[in-house]
Protein backbone atom coordinates (compact mmCIF):
# COMPACT_ATOMS: atom_id res chain seq x y z
CA MET A 1 14.89 14.90 -6.88
CA LEU A 2 13.83 16.61 -3.46
CA ASP A 3 12.94 15.05 -0.35
CA PHE A 4 9.02 15.34 0.95
CA ASP A 5 6.98 13.63 2.96
CA ILE A 6 3.47 12.23 2.64
CA ASN A 7 0.87 12.46 5.12
CA GLY A 8 -2.41 12.12 4.91
CA GLU A 9 -5.91 10.70 4.21
CA ILE A 10 -7.02 9.77 0.37
CA THR A 11 -10.16 8.48 -0.65
CA THR A 12 -10.41 7.17 -4.36
CA ASN A 13 -13.52 5.03 -6.15
CA ILE A 14 -11.56 2.08 -4.92
CA GLY A 15 -11.10 2.74 -1.00
CA ASP A 16 -9.44 5.17 1.75
CA ILE A 17 -5.76 5.21 2.22
CA VAL A 18 -4.18 6.79 5.32
CA THR A 19 -0.43 7.23 4.93
CA ASP A 20 2.57 8.13 6.28
CA PHE A 21 5.53 8.55 4.02
CA SER A 22 9.13 9.78 3.15
CA VAL A 23 10.95 9.56 0.02
CA TYR A 24 14.74 10.98 0.11
CA ARG A 25 17.89 10.24 -1.38
CA ILE A 26 20.82 7.81 -0.09
CA ASP A 27 24.14 8.06 -2.73
CA ASP A 28 22.03 9.61 -5.44
CA ILE A 29 19.39 6.46 -5.29
CA PRO A 30 15.50 7.17 -3.87
CA THR A 31 14.87 5.72 -1.03
CA TYR A 32 11.40 5.54 0.80
CA GLN A 33 9.95 4.10 3.57
CA GLY A 34 6.55 4.48 5.57
CA SER A 35 3.12 3.19 6.10
CA LEU A 36 0.04 2.72 4.58
CA SER A 37 -3.54 1.73 6.21
CA GLY A 38 -6.33 0.77 3.61
CA LYS A 39 -9.95 0.50 4.28
CA GLN A 40 -12.56 -0.95 2.35
CA ILE A 41 -9.79 -1.21 -0.62
CA ASN A 42 -10.90 -2.81 -3.76
CA ILE A 43 -8.60 -5.57 -4.53
CA GLY A 44 -10.00 -7.27 -6.85
CA GLU A 45 -10.07 -4.70 -9.00
CA ILE A 46 -6.78 -3.54 -8.39
CA LEU A 47 -5.59 -7.33 -9.45
CA SER A 48 -8.11 -7.46 -11.68
CA ASN A 49 -9.70 -10.92 -10.25
CA PRO A 50 -13.24 -10.42 -9.41
CA SER A 51 -13.28 -13.16 -6.77
CA LEU A 52 -11.46 -10.85 -4.64
CA ASN A 53 -13.48 -7.91 -3.36
CA TYR A 54 -12.34 -5.38 -0.17
CA CYS A 55 -10.14 -5.83 2.04
CA ASN A 56 -8.77 -3.40 5.25
CA LEU A 57 -5.01 -3.69 6.00
CA ASN A 58 -1.98 -2.08 7.21
CA LEU A 59 0.96 -2.11 5.56
CA ASP A 60 4.82 -0.75 6.34
CA VAL A 61 6.82 -0.08 3.27
CA ASN A 62 10.75 0.00 2.58
CA GLY A 63 12.83 0.25 -0.18
CA GLN A 64 14.97 1.92 -2.68
CA ASP A 65 14.52 3.01 -6.34
CA PHE A 66 11.24 3.25 -8.79
CA SER A 67 12.95 1.40 -12.05
CA LEU A 68 11.60 -2.09 -12.10
CA ALA A 69 14.83 -2.85 -13.14
CA ASN A 70 16.61 -1.58 -9.69
CA LEU A 71 13.50 -1.62 -7.35
CA LYS A 72 14.36 -3.18 -3.83
CA THR A 73 10.86 -3.00 -2.08
CA LYS A 74 9.83 -4.78 1.21
CA PHE A 75 6.11 -4.45 2.70
CA SER A 76 5.44 -6.19 5.84
CA GLY A 77 1.89 -5.80 7.62
CA VAL A 78 -1.66 -7.60 8.16
CA ILE A 79 -4.58 -7.48 6.05
CA ASN A 80 -7.60 -7.24 8.83
CA GLN A 81 -10.20 -8.26 6.48
CA ILE A 82 -10.94 -9.28 3.47
CA SER A 83 -14.09 -10.28 1.23
CA TYR A 84 -13.68 -13.21 -1.55
CA ASN A 85 -16.90 -13.85 -3.82
CA GLY A 86 -18.69 -11.27 -0.95
CA ILE A 87 -18.04 -13.34 1.81
CA PHE A 88 -15.84 -11.48 4.69
CA ILE A 89 -13.06 -13.03 6.18
CA PRO A 90 -11.59 -11.50 9.41
CA LYS A 91 -8.04 -11.92 10.26
CA TYR A 92 -7.12 -14.93 12.81
């Protein structure tokens, strides 16, 4: 696996994402870190929960490995706004 960076905007049918992300190897273990910002992400569709609708978020991600058996990933961030049953709930 080669080291690489992902910087850009991704537009999908479940929302828009802006990313600044790096993947590299430490002692032959895939390691990654970066940030993700999401706008109007359809979290209900992702989680198969129709009560949840859209959210806006900012996340920092740091982790190692991609296999479920060895996955070590930390997410930290803020959900700026979320919609539950069609009612937007702002961050406070």
